[in-house]
Amino acid sequence: MNFEELWAFLGRNPMLSIALAGITVALVYTEVARLFRGFKSLRPAELTALINRENALVVDLRPAPDFEKGHIPGSKNVQMAQFDPENKALAAARSLPVVAVCKAGMTAVDAARRLRKAGFEKVYVLEGGIGAWQGADLPLARGRGK
């Protein structure tokens, strides 16, 4: 296919052309926004390395019953409704990497934004949430945790 055939195709299919342009713009916007959001996404193996190397604080934002059924060993459970990055208990963690974890990764993004706004510098989100952790066959702790 050459350039002239492509233009002819786009001319014959205006709705498809608009949809393609819209999807392309959305993808570019999403990727550019990801670069400037101030925190990084981690895969489960990267999180394990961060915990082992830098003693990362893992904050699990899921409801307490879900946390008790299974959570990342050493993680702290904080409900999103009670999540306050300005809390004095979190102040000591400003120098540590902080990783927000939720069920699928969406709630953790909001928490990560709040952490960055509060001045935390090493902020991460577990990509795919606890489901990704389980999918990687990594261990879960049961009960209330620490």
N, C-alpha and C. Protein backbone atom coordinates (compact mmCIF):
# COMPACT_ATOMS: atom_id res chain seq x y z
N MET A 1 0.84 -1.16 0.00
CA MET A 1 0.00 0.00 0.00
C MET A 1 0.90 1.24 0.00
N ASN A 2 0.59 2.18 -0.86
CA ASN A 2 1.37 3.41 -0.88
C ASN A 2 0.55 4.55 -0.27
N PHE A 3 1.14 5.71 -0.23
CA PHE A 3 0.53 6.87 0.41
C PHE A 3 -0.77 7.28 -0.27
N GLU A 4 -0.81 7.24 -1.60
CA GLU A 4 -2.03 7.62 -2.34
C GLU A 4 -3.18 6.68 -2.04
N GLU A 5 -2.90 5.39 -1.95
CA GLU A 5 -3.95 4.42 -1.62
C GLU A 5 -4.47 4.64 -0.20
N LEU A 6 -3.58 4.99 0.71
CA LEU A 6 -3.98 5.26 2.08
C LEU A 6 -4.93 6.45 2.13
N TRP A 7 -4.59 7.54 1.44
CA TRP A 7 -5.45 8.72 1.41
C TRP A 7 -6.80 8.39 0.77
N ALA A 8 -6.80 7.58 -0.27
CA ALA A 8 -8.05 7.19 -0.92
C ALA A 8 -8.91 6.38 0.06
N PHE A 9 -8.31 5.46 0.78
CA PHE A 9 -9.03 4.66 1.76
C PHE A 9 -9.65 5.56 2.84
N LEU A 10 -8.85 6.49 3.37
CA LEU A 10 -9.34 7.40 4.40
C LEU A 10 -10.48 8.27 3.88
N GLY A 11 -10.40 8.68 2.63
CA GLY A 11 -11.46 9.47 2.02
C GLY A 11 -12.75 8.69 1.86
N ARG A 12 -12.65 7.40 1.59
CA ARG A 12 -13.84 6.56 1.41
C ARG A 12 -14.45 6.14 2.75
N ASN A 13 -13.72 6.26 3.83
CA ASN A 13 -14.17 5.81 5.15
C ASN A 13 -13.97 6.91 6.20
N PRO A 14 -14.78 7.99 6.10
CA PRO A 14 -14.55 9.12 7.01
C PRO A 14 -14.76 8.78 8.49
N MET A 15 -15.75 7.96 8.82
CA MET A 15 -15.98 7.62 10.23
C MET A 15 -14.82 6.79 10.79
N LEU A 16 -14.33 5.88 10.00
CA LEU A 16 -13.19 5.07 10.41
C LEU A 16 -11.96 5.95 10.59
N SER A 17 -11.80 6.92 9.70
CA SER A 17 -10.67 7.85 9.78
C SER A 17 -10.73 8.69 11.06
N ILE A 18 -11.94 9.15 11.39
CA ILE A 18 -12.11 9.95 12.61
C ILE A 18 -11.84 9.10 13.85
N ALA A 19 -12.34 7.88 13.83
CA ALA A 19 -12.11 6.98 14.96
C ALA A 19 -10.62 6.69 15.13
N LEU A 20 -9.92 6.42 14.04
CA LEU A 20 -8.49 6.17 14.09
C LEU A 20 -7.74 7.37 14.64
N ALA A 21 -8.10 8.56 14.17
CA ALA A 21 -7.44 9.78 14.65
C ALA A 21 -7.70 9.97 16.15
N GLY A 22 -8.94 9.73 16.58
CA GLY A 22 -9.30 9.88 17.99
C GLY A 22 -8.53 8.91 18.87
N ILE A 23 -8.43 7.67 18.45
CA ILE A 23 -7.70 6.67 19.22
C ILE A 23 -6.22 7.02 19.28
N THR A 24 -5.67 7.48 18.19
CA THR A 24 -4.26 7.87 18.15
C THR A 24 -3.98 9.03 19.11
N VAL A 25 -4.85 10.04 19.10
CA VAL A 25 -4.69 11.18 19.99
C VAL A 25 -4.80 10.74 21.45
N ALA A 26 -5.77 9.86 21.75
CA ALA A 26 -5.95 9.37 23.12
C ALA A 26 -4.72 8.60 23.60
N LEU A 27 -4.16 7.75 22.74
CA LEU A 27 -2.97 6.99 23.12
C LEU A 27 -1.77 7.91 23.37
N VAL A 28 -1.58 8.87 22.50
CA VAL A 28 -0.46 9.80 22.67
C VAL A 28 -0.65 10.61 23.95
N TYR A 29 -1.85 11.10 24.20
CA TYR A 29 -2.14 11.87 25.41
C TYR A 29 -1.86 11.03 26.66
N THR A 30 -2.32 9.80 26.67
CA THR A 30 -2.14 8.91 27.82
C THR A 30 -0.66 8.68 28.10
N GLU A 31 0.11 8.42 27.08
CA GLU A 31 1.54 8.18 27.27
C GLU A 31 2.28 9.43 27.72
N VAL A 32 1.93 10.57 27.18
CA VAL A 32 2.58 11.82 27.60
C VAL A 32 2.20 12.14 29.05
N ALA A 33 0.92 11.95 29.40
CA ALA A 33 0.48 12.20 30.78
C ALA A 33 1.19 11.27 31.75
N ARG A 34 1.42 10.04 31.34
CA ARG A 34 2.12 9.08 32.20
C ARG A 34 3.55 9.54 32.51
N LEU A 35 4.19 10.19 31.55
CA LEU A 35 5.55 10.67 31.76
C LEU A 35 5.62 11.78 32.80
N PHE A 36 4.54 12.57 32.91
CA PHE A 36 4.56 13.75 33.79
C PHE A 36 3.74 13.59 35.06
N ARG A 37 3.29 12.40 35.39
CA ARG A 37 2.41 12.25 36.55
C ARG A 37 3.16 12.23 37.87
N GLY A 38 4.45 12.04 37.87
CA GLY A 38 5.24 12.17 39.09
C GLY A 38 5.46 10.88 39.86
N PHE A 39 4.92 9.79 39.40
CA PHE A 39 5.17 8.50 40.05
C PHE A 39 5.29 7.45 38.98
N LYS A 40 5.83 6.29 39.39
CA LYS A 40 6.09 5.22 38.43
C LYS A 40 5.23 4.01 38.74
N SER A 41 4.97 3.22 37.73
CA SER A 41 4.28 1.94 37.90
C SER A 41 5.33 0.85 38.02
N LEU A 42 5.05 -0.11 38.88
CA LEU A 42 5.95 -1.25 39.06
C LEU A 42 5.22 -2.54 38.74
N ARG A 43 5.96 -3.49 38.20
CA ARG A 43 5.43 -4.85 38.07
C ARG A 43 5.77 -5.58 39.36
N PRO A 44 5.10 -6.69 39.63
CA PRO A 44 5.34 -7.41 40.89
C PRO A 44 6.81 -7.74 41.16
N ALA A 45 7.55 -8.19 40.18
CA ALA A 45 8.96 -8.52 40.39
C ALA A 45 9.77 -7.27 40.77
N GLU A 46 9.43 -6.14 40.17
CA GLU A 46 10.12 -4.89 40.49
C GLU A 46 9.79 -4.45 41.92
N LEU A 47 8.55 -4.68 42.34
CA LEU A 47 8.17 -4.35 43.71
C LEU A 47 8.95 -5.21 44.70
N THR A 48 9.08 -6.48 44.42
CA THR A 48 9.84 -7.37 45.29
C THR A 48 11.27 -6.86 45.44
N ALA A 49 11.89 -6.48 44.35
CA ALA A 49 13.26 -5.96 44.40
C ALA A 49 13.33 -4.66 45.20
N LEU A 50 12.33 -3.79 45.03
CA LEU A 50 12.32 -2.52 45.75
C LEU A 50 12.16 -2.73 47.26
N ILE A 51 11.33 -3.69 47.63
CA ILE A 51 11.16 -4.02 49.05
C ILE A 51 12.47 -4.55 49.62
N ASN A 52 13.12 -5.44 48.90
CA ASN A 52 14.36 -6.06 49.39
C ASN A 52 15.53 -5.09 49.41
N ARG A 53 15.65 -4.24 48.41
CA ARG A 53 16.81 -3.34 48.31
C ARG A 53 16.66 -2.07 49.11
N GLU A 54 15.43 -1.49 49.10
CA GLU A 54 15.27 -0.16 49.69
C GLU A 54 14.25 -0.09 50.81
N ASN A 55 13.81 -1.26 51.30
CA ASN A 55 12.86 -1.30 52.41
C ASN A 55 11.62 -0.46 52.14
N ALA A 56 11.04 -0.61 50.96
CA ALA A 56 9.88 0.17 50.55
C ALA A 56 8.69 -0.06 51.48
N LEU A 57 7.94 1.00 51.71
CA LEU A 57 6.70 0.91 52.47
C LEU A 57 5.58 0.61 51.48
N VAL A 58 4.87 -0.49 51.69
CA VAL A 58 3.76 -0.87 50.82
C VAL A 58 2.47 -0.54 51.55
N VAL A 59 1.66 0.33 50.94
CA VAL A 59 0.39 0.75 51.51
C VAL A 59 -0.74 0.10 50.71
N ASP A 60 -1.47 -0.80 51.36
CA ASP A 60 -2.58 -1.52 50.72
C ASP A 60 -3.87 -0.77 51.02
N LEU A 61 -4.53 -0.29 49.98
CA LEU A 61 -5.70 0.57 50.13
C LEU A 61 -7.03 -0.18 50.07
N ARG A 62 -6.99 -1.48 50.06
CA ARG A 62 -8.22 -2.27 49.96
C ARG A 62 -8.95 -2.31 51.29
N PRO A 63 -10.24 -2.63 51.26
CA PRO A 63 -11.00 -2.77 52.52
C PRO A 63 -10.36 -3.83 53.42
N ALA A 64 -10.51 -3.65 54.74
CA ALA A 64 -9.88 -4.54 55.72
C ALA A 64 -10.19 -6.02 55.50
N PRO A 65 -11.44 -6.40 55.18
CA PRO A 65 -11.70 -7.83 54.96
C PRO A 65 -10.90 -8.41 53.79
N ASP A 66 -10.75 -7.63 52.72
CA ASP A 66 -9.95 -8.09 51.58
C ASP A 66 -8.48 -8.20 51.96
N PHE A 67 -7.99 -7.21 52.72
CA PHE A 67 -6.60 -7.21 53.18
C PHE A 67 -6.33 -8.46 54.03
N GLU A 68 -7.25 -8.78 54.93
CA GLU A 68 -7.07 -9.91 55.82
C GLU A 68 -7.08 -11.25 55.09
N LYS A 69 -7.78 -11.32 53.96
CA LYS A 69 -7.82 -12.56 53.17
C LYS A 69 -6.48 -12.83 52.49
N GLY A 70 -5.73 -11.77 52.20
CA GLY A 70 -4.42 -11.94 51.58
C GLY A 70 -3.83 -10.61 51.16
N HIS A 71 -2.61 -10.35 51.58
CA HIS A 71 -1.93 -9.10 51.25
C HIS A 71 -0.43 -9.35 51.07
N ILE A 72 0.24 -8.38 50.51
CA ILE A 72 1.68 -8.46 50.32
C ILE A 72 2.33 -8.45 51.71
N PRO A 73 3.20 -9.42 52.00
CA PRO A 73 3.83 -9.48 53.32
C PRO A 73 4.50 -8.15 53.69
N GLY A 74 4.22 -7.68 54.90
CA GLY A 74 4.81 -6.44 55.39
C GLY A 74 4.05 -5.19 55.02
N SER A 75 2.99 -5.31 54.22
CA SER A 75 2.25 -4.12 53.81
C SER A 75 1.36 -3.60 54.94
N LYS A 76 1.04 -2.32 54.87
CA LYS A 76 0.18 -1.66 55.85
C LYS A 76 -1.17 -1.41 55.19
N ASN A 77 -2.24 -1.70 55.92
CA ASN A 77 -3.58 -1.50 55.38
C ASN A 77 -4.11 -0.14 55.82
N VAL A 78 -4.48 0.69 54.84
CA VAL A 78 -5.09 1.99 55.09
C VAL A 78 -6.25 2.13 54.12
N GLN A 79 -7.45 2.36 54.64
CA GLN A 79 -8.61 2.56 53.77
C GLN A 79 -8.44 3.89 53.03
N MET A 80 -8.84 3.94 51.79
CA MET A 80 -8.68 5.16 50.99
C MET A 80 -9.41 6.33 51.65
N ALA A 81 -10.55 6.07 52.27
CA ALA A 81 -11.30 7.14 52.94
C ALA A 81 -10.51 7.73 54.12
N GLN A 82 -9.60 6.96 54.67
CA GLN A 82 -8.80 7.41 55.81
C GLN A 82 -7.36 7.72 55.42
N PHE A 83 -7.06 7.64 54.15
CA PHE A 83 -5.69 7.84 53.67
C PHE A 83 -5.34 9.32 53.73
N ASP A 84 -4.32 9.65 54.50
CA ASP A 84 -3.89 11.03 54.65
C ASP A 84 -2.37 11.10 54.56
N PRO A 85 -1.84 11.55 53.42
CA PRO A 85 -0.38 11.62 53.26
C PRO A 85 0.28 12.57 54.25
N GLU A 86 -0.49 13.49 54.83
CA GLU A 86 0.06 14.44 55.80
C GLU A 86 0.15 13.85 57.20
N ASN A 87 -0.32 12.63 57.40
CA ASN A 87 -0.32 11.95 58.69
C ASN A 87 1.11 11.87 59.23
N LYS A 88 1.26 12.10 60.52
CA LYS A 88 2.59 12.08 61.15
C LYS A 88 3.24 10.70 61.05
N ALA A 89 2.43 9.64 61.04
CA ALA A 89 2.97 8.29 60.95
C ALA A 89 3.65 8.06 59.60
N LEU A 90 3.15 8.73 58.58
CA LEU A 90 3.76 8.60 57.25
C LEU A 90 4.96 9.53 57.07
N ALA A 91 5.08 10.53 57.90
CA ALA A 91 6.17 11.50 57.75
C ALA A 91 7.54 10.82 57.77
N ALA A 92 7.69 9.79 58.60
CA ALA A 92 8.97 9.08 58.68
C ALA A 92 9.28 8.34 57.38
N ALA A 93 8.26 8.07 56.58
CA ALA A 93 8.45 7.32 55.35
C ALA A 93 8.78 8.21 54.15
N ARG A 94 8.87 9.51 54.36
CA ARG A 94 9.15 10.42 53.23
C ARG A 94 10.45 10.08 52.50
N SER A 95 11.41 9.54 53.23
CA SER A 95 12.69 9.21 52.61
C SER A 95 12.69 7.82 51.97
N LEU A 96 11.67 7.01 52.29
CA LEU A 96 11.57 5.66 51.73
C LEU A 96 10.73 5.65 50.47
N PRO A 97 10.93 4.65 49.63
CA PRO A 97 9.98 4.47 48.53
C PRO A 97 8.64 4.04 49.12
N VAL A 98 7.56 4.61 48.61
CA VAL A 98 6.21 4.25 49.05
C VAL A 98 5.46 3.70 47.85
N VAL A 99 4.89 2.51 48.03
CA VAL A 99 4.18 1.85 46.93
C VAL A 99 2.72 1.71 47.31
N ALA A 100 1.83 2.28 46.50
CA ALA A 100 0.39 2.17 46.74
C ALA A 100 -0.13 0.94 46.00
N VAL A 101 -0.95 0.16 46.69
CA VAL A 101 -1.51 -1.08 46.13
C VAL A 101 -3.01 -1.08 46.38
N CYS A 102 -3.77 -1.50 45.39
CA CYS A 102 -5.21 -1.67 45.56
C CYS A 102 -5.62 -2.94 44.82
N LYS A 103 -6.88 -3.10 44.56
CA LYS A 103 -7.36 -4.33 43.94
C LYS A 103 -6.86 -4.46 42.50
N ALA A 104 -7.01 -3.40 41.71
CA ALA A 104 -6.64 -3.49 40.30
C ALA A 104 -5.68 -2.40 39.83
N GLY A 105 -5.34 -1.45 40.69
CA GLY A 105 -4.38 -0.41 40.31
C GLY A 105 -4.97 0.97 40.12
N MET A 106 -6.28 1.12 40.13
CA MET A 106 -6.89 2.42 39.86
C MET A 106 -6.91 3.32 41.11
N THR A 107 -7.34 2.80 42.23
CA THR A 107 -7.39 3.58 43.47
C THR A 107 -5.98 4.00 43.88
N ALA A 108 -5.03 3.15 43.64
CA ALA A 108 -3.65 3.44 44.00
C ALA A 108 -3.11 4.66 43.26
N VAL A 109 -3.58 4.90 42.05
CA VAL A 109 -3.14 6.07 41.28
C VAL A 109 -3.55 7.35 42.01
N ASP A 110 -4.78 7.39 42.53
CA ASP A 110 -5.23 8.56 43.29
C ASP A 110 -4.37 8.76 44.54
N ALA A 111 -4.09 7.69 45.24
CA ALA A 111 -3.24 7.78 46.44
C ALA A 111 -1.84 8.27 46.08
N ALA A 112 -1.30 7.77 44.98
CA ALA A 112 0.04 8.19 44.55
C ALA A 112 0.08 9.68 44.24
N ARG A 113 -0.96 10.17 43.60
CA ARG A 113 -1.02 11.61 43.32
C ARG A 113 -1.03 12.42 44.62
N ARG A 114 -1.78 11.95 45.59
CA ARG A 114 -1.85 12.65 46.87
C ARG A 114 -0.51 12.61 47.59
N LEU A 115 0.19 11.48 47.50
CA LEU A 115 1.51 11.38 48.12
C LEU A 115 2.49 12.36 47.47
N ARG A 116 2.48 12.44 46.15
CA ARG A 116 3.38 13.37 45.45
C ARG A 116 3.06 14.81 45.84
N LYS A 117 1.78 15.11 45.92
CA LYS A 117 1.37 16.47 46.29
C LYS A 117 1.82 16.81 47.71
N ALA A 118 1.89 15.81 48.58
CA ALA A 118 2.32 16.00 49.97
C ALA A 118 3.83 16.05 50.11
N GLY A 119 4.56 15.88 49.00
CA GLY A 119 6.01 16.00 49.05
C GLY A 119 6.81 14.71 49.05
N PHE A 120 6.14 13.58 48.94
CA PHE A 120 6.86 12.32 48.85
C PHE A 120 7.53 12.25 47.47
N GLU A 121 8.78 11.82 47.43
CA GLU A 121 9.51 11.84 46.17
C GLU A 121 9.58 10.48 45.48
N LYS A 122 9.66 9.42 46.24
CA LYS A 122 9.78 8.08 45.67
C LYS A 122 8.42 7.38 45.79
N VAL A 123 7.55 7.66 44.84
CA VAL A 123 6.19 7.13 44.88
C VAL A 123 5.97 6.18 43.72
N TYR A 124 5.36 5.04 44.02
CA TYR A 124 5.12 4.01 43.02
C TYR A 124 3.71 3.45 43.17
N VAL A 125 3.24 2.82 42.11
CA VAL A 125 1.95 2.11 42.10
C VAL A 125 2.21 0.71 41.57
N LEU A 126 1.63 -0.28 42.22
CA LEU A 126 1.74 -1.65 41.71
C LEU A 126 0.79 -1.79 40.53
N GLU A 127 1.36 -1.92 39.36
CA GLU A 127 0.58 -2.05 38.13
C GLU A 127 -0.26 -3.33 38.18
N GLY A 128 -1.57 -3.18 38.03
CA GLY A 128 -2.46 -4.34 38.07
C GLY A 128 -2.91 -4.71 39.47
N GLY A 129 -2.43 -4.01 40.48
CA GLY A 129 -2.85 -4.22 41.84
C GLY A 129 -2.50 -5.60 42.40
N ILE A 130 -3.24 -5.97 43.43
CA ILE A 130 -2.99 -7.24 44.10
C ILE A 130 -3.24 -8.41 43.15
N GLY A 131 -4.09 -8.21 42.17
CA GLY A 131 -4.35 -9.26 41.17
C GLY A 131 -3.09 -9.59 40.38
N ALA A 132 -2.29 -8.57 40.06
CA ALA A 132 -1.03 -8.81 39.35
C ALA A 132 -0.05 -9.56 40.25
N TRP A 133 -0.04 -9.23 41.54
CA TRP A 133 0.83 -9.91 42.50
C TRP A 133 0.48 -11.39 42.55
N GLN A 134 -0.82 -11.68 42.64
CA GLN A 134 -1.28 -13.07 42.68
C GLN A 134 -0.99 -13.77 41.36
N GLY A 135 -1.17 -13.05 40.26
CA GLY A 135 -0.90 -13.62 38.94
C GLY A 135 0.55 -13.99 38.74
N ALA A 136 1.45 -13.32 39.48
CA ALA A 136 2.88 -13.62 39.39
C ALA A 136 3.27 -14.74 40.36
N ASP A 137 2.28 -15.35 41.01
CA ASP A 137 2.50 -16.44 41.96
C ASP A 137 3.42 -16.04 43.11
N LEU A 138 3.28 -14.80 43.57
CA LEU A 138 4.05 -14.34 44.73
C LEU A 138 3.23 -14.57 45.99
N PRO A 139 3.89 -14.74 47.13
CA PRO A 139 3.19 -15.11 48.35
C PRO A 139 2.30 -14.00 48.91
N LEU A 140 1.24 -14.42 49.57
CA LEU A 140 0.35 -13.50 50.28
C LEU A 140 0.37 -13.87 51.76
N ALA A 141 0.30 -12.84 52.58
CA ALA A 141 0.17 -13.05 54.03
C ALA A 141 -1.31 -12.92 54.36
N ARG A 142 -1.74 -13.62 55.37
CA ARG A 142 -3.14 -13.55 55.78
C ARG A 142 -3.23 -12.93 57.17
N GLY A 143 -4.39 -12.39 57.48
CA GLY A 143 -4.61 -11.77 58.78
C GLY A 143 -4.46 -10.27 58.70
N ARG A 144 -4.33 -9.64 59.83
CA ARG A 144 -4.29 -8.19 59.90
C ARG A 144 -2.95 -7.58 59.54
N GLY A 145 -1.93 -8.36 59.50
CA GLY A 145 -0.59 -7.82 59.20
C GLY A 145 0.00 -7.16 60.42
N LYS A 146 0.98 -6.28 60.18
CA LYS A 146 1.68 -5.60 61.29
C LYS A 146 0.82 -4.50 61.87
